[in-house]
Amino acid sequence: MFWYDYIINAFRSHRQFKVVGALSRKLSGNRVELIVKDILEDVRLIPNPDALAFEVAIKTSSRAADAYFIATVKLTNSILITNDKIM
């Protein structure tokens, strides 16, 4: 996973402050602000899918990450494309 993917994933799960704090330890405040603004232009925040992911995991016996992927797809009415043989 690339650093940018980590930041996007953290924003999707509503942990903006954790990401901002981590970036601020390495970068100037102005740079952090630019990165955050750039990310927020490209990312649509959704509600935390914990409850739905729990239901998916029970029904499908899937791994936790897969349950979250499936729950997110359901919440956003998206299509999940994967090359993961286990999933």
Protein backbone atom coordinates (compact mmCIF):
# COMPACT_ATOMS: atom_id res chain seq x y z
CA MET A 1 0.00 0.00 0.00
CA PHE A 2 1.34 3.42 -0.92
CA TRP A 3 1.33 6.30 1.56
CA TYR A 4 -1.39 8.08 -0.44
CA ASP A 5 -3.62 4.98 -0.24
CA TYR A 6 -3.13 4.91 3.53
CA ILE A 7 -4.23 8.54 3.82
CA ILE A 8 -7.29 7.98 1.62
CA ASN A 9 -8.28 4.90 3.62
CA ALA A 10 -7.89 6.80 6.87
CA PHE A 11 -10.06 9.63 5.58
CA ARG A 12 -12.72 7.17 4.43
CA SER A 13 -12.93 5.78 7.93
CA HIS A 14 -13.23 9.28 9.44
CA ARG A 15 -9.83 9.39 11.09
CA GLN A 16 -8.83 12.73 9.59
CA PHE A 17 -7.25 13.99 12.81
CA LYS A 18 -5.02 10.95 13.14
CA VAL A 19 -3.76 11.43 9.60
CA VAL A 20 -3.28 15.18 10.04
CA GLY A 21 -1.35 14.58 13.25
CA ALA A 22 0.88 11.96 11.62
CA LEU A 23 1.59 14.16 8.61
CA SER A 24 2.27 17.16 10.83
CA ARG A 25 5.09 15.31 12.54
CA LYS A 26 6.97 15.12 9.23
CA LEU A 27 5.69 18.03 7.16
CA SER A 28 4.98 21.72 7.60
CA GLY A 29 1.45 22.81 8.48
CA ASN A 30 0.99 24.46 5.08
CA ARG A 31 2.00 21.27 3.28
CA VAL A 32 -0.33 19.16 5.43
CA GLU A 33 -3.20 21.53 4.70
CA LEU A 34 -2.55 21.29 0.94
CA ILE A 35 -2.43 17.48 1.08
CA VAL A 36 -5.67 17.30 3.08
CA LYS A 37 -7.47 19.70 0.73
CA ASP A 38 -6.23 17.71 -2.27
CA ILE A 39 -7.48 14.45 -0.78
CA LEU A 40 -10.87 15.88 0.13
CA GLU A 41 -11.39 17.00 -3.49
CA ASP A 42 -11.09 13.40 -4.67
CA VAL A 43 -12.64 11.47 -1.79
CA ARG A 44 -16.29 11.13 -0.90
CA LEU A 45 -16.66 10.33 2.78
CA ILE A 46 -19.26 7.71 3.63
CA PRO A 47 -20.68 6.59 6.95
CA ASN A 48 -18.63 4.01 8.80
CA PRO A 49 -19.81 0.60 7.49
CA ASP A 50 -19.08 -1.32 10.72
CA ALA A 51 -22.63 -2.60 11.28
CA LEU A 52 -23.11 -3.61 7.66
CA ALA A 53 -19.63 -5.19 7.50
CA PHE A 54 -20.54 -7.23 10.58
CA GLU A 55 -23.69 -8.52 8.87
CA VAL A 56 -21.73 -9.30 5.70
CA ALA A 57 -19.10 -11.23 7.66
CA ILE A 58 -21.78 -13.31 9.39
CA LYS A 59 -23.61 -14.10 6.14
CA THR A 60 -20.54 -14.77 4.00
CA SER A 61 -17.88 -15.94 6.49
CA SER A 62 -15.56 -13.48 4.75
CA ARG A 63 -12.36 -11.98 6.04
CA ALA A 64 -12.71 -8.61 7.80
CA ALA A 65 -11.20 -6.59 4.95
CA ASP A 66 -13.46 -8.31 2.42
CA ALA A 67 -16.51 -7.65 4.60
CA TYR A 68 -15.62 -3.95 4.61
CA PHE A 69 -15.11 -3.91 0.85
CA ILE A 70 -18.50 -5.55 0.31
CA ALA A 71 -20.23 -3.28 2.83
CA THR A 72 -18.74 -0.19 1.19
CA VAL A 73 -19.91 -1.38 -2.22
CA LYS A 74 -23.42 -1.85 -0.85
CA LEU A 75 -23.44 1.58 0.81
CA THR A 76 -22.23 3.35 -2.33
CA ASN A 77 -24.18 1.26 -4.84
CA SER A 78 -20.88 0.48 -6.57
CA ILE A 79 -19.41 -2.49 -8.37
CA LEU A 80 -16.65 -4.52 -6.74
CA ILE A 81 -14.00 -5.77 -9.12
CA THR A 82 -11.33 -8.03 -7.67
CA ASN A 83 -8.67 -10.45 -8.73
CA ASP A 84 -8.53 -11.94 -5.24
CA LYS A 85 -9.22 -15.67 -5.59
CA ILE A 86 -10.16 -16.03 -1.90
CA MET A 87 -12.71 -13.24 -2.03
